[in-house]
Amino acid sequence: MRELSSLTELLNTLEPSQIPDEVNQYLFDRGRWLHPVAVSDILVNIGIMRDVVYESTTGSGKEKHFREITHEYLEFGENIKTRHKFKTEARFYVDRFPELIAMAFDNWPK
C-alpha cells in the first residue's frame, strides 16, 4: 500500500533549498510563506485539483467548497471519503510529491 499524506504535511518536509529562488522571492515580496492554500490554488489553476461546491449540511443555505484531485491526476493521490457521503479529502502519494511540487513551482505566478 502506498503512503498517503496531506498537502500540509508534505510541504512541511521541504527544505528551504528545495524551493526555487523565484518562488521564495515571490513569497518574501508579499510577506508570505509557502502555505498549503497557495499551493492548492496553483494546483487548481493547472487542473490537478478542482473546487467542488456544495450547500451547507446545517441547513443555512450557505455555499461551501472543498478541493479534490481531478480524475486525470489521480496518479498523484486519492480522494478519501469523509463522514459526508459527497465530500472527500485530497491525500497525496508521498513518492509522487517531488513531481507534484515541481509542477506547482513551474506554474507559480511571476
Protein backbone atom coordinates (compact mmCIF):
# COMPACT_ATOMS: atom_id res chain seq x y z
CA MET A 1 0.00 0.00 0.00
CA ARG A 2 1.36 3.42 -0.96
CA GLU A 3 1.84 6.05 1.71
CA LEU A 4 -0.60 8.97 1.56
CA SER A 5 -0.23 12.35 3.21
CA SER A 6 -1.92 15.75 3.30
CA LEU A 7 -0.53 18.69 1.37
CA THR A 8 0.27 20.46 4.65
CA GLU A 9 2.31 17.53 5.97
CA LEU A 10 4.19 17.16 2.69
CA LEU A 11 5.03 20.87 2.49
CA ASN A 12 6.44 20.69 6.00
CA THR A 13 9.01 18.15 4.75
CA LEU A 14 10.51 20.58 2.23
CA GLU A 15 13.93 22.00 2.92
CA PRO A 16 14.44 25.69 2.01
CA SER A 17 16.95 24.64 -0.66
CA GLN A 18 14.17 22.69 -2.42
CA ILE A 19 12.11 25.82 -3.02
CA PRO A 20 13.14 27.70 -6.18
CA ASP A 21 14.60 31.17 -5.67
CA GLU A 22 11.83 32.84 -7.70
CA VAL A 23 9.15 31.22 -5.53
CA ASN A 24 10.97 32.30 -2.37
CA GLN A 25 11.27 35.84 -3.75
CA TYR A 26 7.57 35.94 -4.70
CA LEU A 27 6.61 34.87 -1.18
CA PHE A 28 9.13 37.21 0.51
CA ASP A 29 7.89 40.21 -1.51
CA ARG A 30 4.37 39.58 -0.25
CA GLY A 31 5.29 38.78 3.35
CA ARG A 32 4.06 35.20 2.97
CA TRP A 33 5.33 31.69 3.36
CA LEU A 34 4.75 28.51 1.42
CA HIS A 35 1.19 27.91 2.52
CA PRO A 36 -0.92 24.88 1.52
CA VAL A 37 -3.73 27.13 0.26
CA ALA A 38 -1.33 28.95 -2.09
CA VAL A 39 -0.03 25.63 -3.41
CA SER A 40 -3.53 24.19 -3.82
CA ASP A 41 -4.56 27.38 -5.66
CA ILE A 42 -1.78 26.69 -8.18
CA LEU A 43 -2.85 23.03 -8.43
CA VAL A 44 -6.41 24.20 -9.20
CA ASN A 45 -5.12 26.67 -11.81
CA ILE A 46 -3.21 23.92 -13.65
CA GLY A 47 -6.03 21.39 -13.41
CA ILE A 48 -4.60 18.92 -10.89
CA MET A 49 -7.22 19.82 -8.29
CA ARG A 50 -10.69 21.29 -8.57
CA ASP A 51 -13.15 23.11 -6.31
CA VAL A 52 -16.35 21.26 -5.51
CA VAL A 53 -19.21 23.46 -4.31
CA TYR A 54 -21.98 22.17 -2.07
CA GLU A 55 -24.73 23.55 0.12
CA SER A 56 -24.01 23.57 3.85
CA THR A 57 -25.32 20.49 5.64
CA THR A 58 -26.53 22.66 8.55
CA GLY A 59 -29.47 23.92 6.51
CA SER A 60 -28.18 27.50 6.49
CA GLY A 61 -28.22 27.58 2.69
CA LYS A 62 -24.62 28.79 2.61
CA GLU A 63 -22.35 27.62 -0.17
CA LYS A 64 -19.24 25.76 0.91
CA HIS A 65 -16.49 24.06 -1.01
CA PHE A 66 -13.72 21.53 -0.80
CA ARG A 67 -10.92 20.60 -3.15
CA GLU A 68 -10.30 17.25 -4.70
CA ILE A 69 -7.79 15.76 -7.09
CA THR A 70 -9.19 15.65 -10.63
CA HIS A 71 -9.68 12.26 -12.24
CA GLU A 72 -6.91 12.94 -14.77
CA TYR A 73 -4.33 13.32 -11.99
CA LEU A 74 -5.26 10.53 -9.58
CA GLU A 75 -1.77 9.11 -10.16
CA PHE A 76 -0.67 11.76 -7.61
CA GLY A 77 -3.04 10.69 -4.85
CA GLU A 78 -6.54 9.76 -3.76
CA ASN A 79 -9.72 11.50 -2.73
CA ILE A 80 -10.54 9.93 0.63
CA LYS A 81 -14.20 9.81 1.68
CA THR A 82 -15.18 11.75 4.80
CA ARG A 83 -18.16 11.24 7.08
CA HIS A 84 -20.25 13.11 4.48
CA LYS A 85 -21.14 10.88 1.53
CA PHE A 86 -20.39 13.58 -1.03
CA LYS A 87 -17.24 15.11 0.46
CA THR A 88 -13.63 13.95 0.14
CA GLU A 89 -10.20 14.97 1.38
CA ALA A 90 -7.29 15.02 -1.05
CA ARG A 91 -4.35 12.90 0.06
CA PHE A 92 -1.18 12.73 -2.00
CA TYR A 93 1.25 9.89 -2.59
CA VAL A 94 4.46 10.66 -0.76
CA ASP A 95 6.56 9.13 -3.54
CA ARG A 96 4.95 11.40 -6.18
CA PHE A 97 5.21 14.62 -4.15
CA PRO A 98 8.53 15.80 -5.69
CA GLU A 99 6.98 15.70 -9.16
CA LEU A 100 3.76 17.34 -7.96
CA ILE A 101 5.50 20.22 -6.18
CA ALA A 102 7.80 20.73 -9.19
CA MET A 103 4.70 21.19 -11.37
CA ALA A 104 3.32 23.72 -8.87
CA PHE A 105 6.63 25.61 -8.75
CA ASP A 106 6.86 25.64 -12.57
CA ASN A 107 3.47 27.35 -12.68
CA TRP A 108 4.00 29.75 -9.78
CA PRO A 109 2.94 33.36 -10.52
CA LYS A 110 5.82 35.56 -11.60
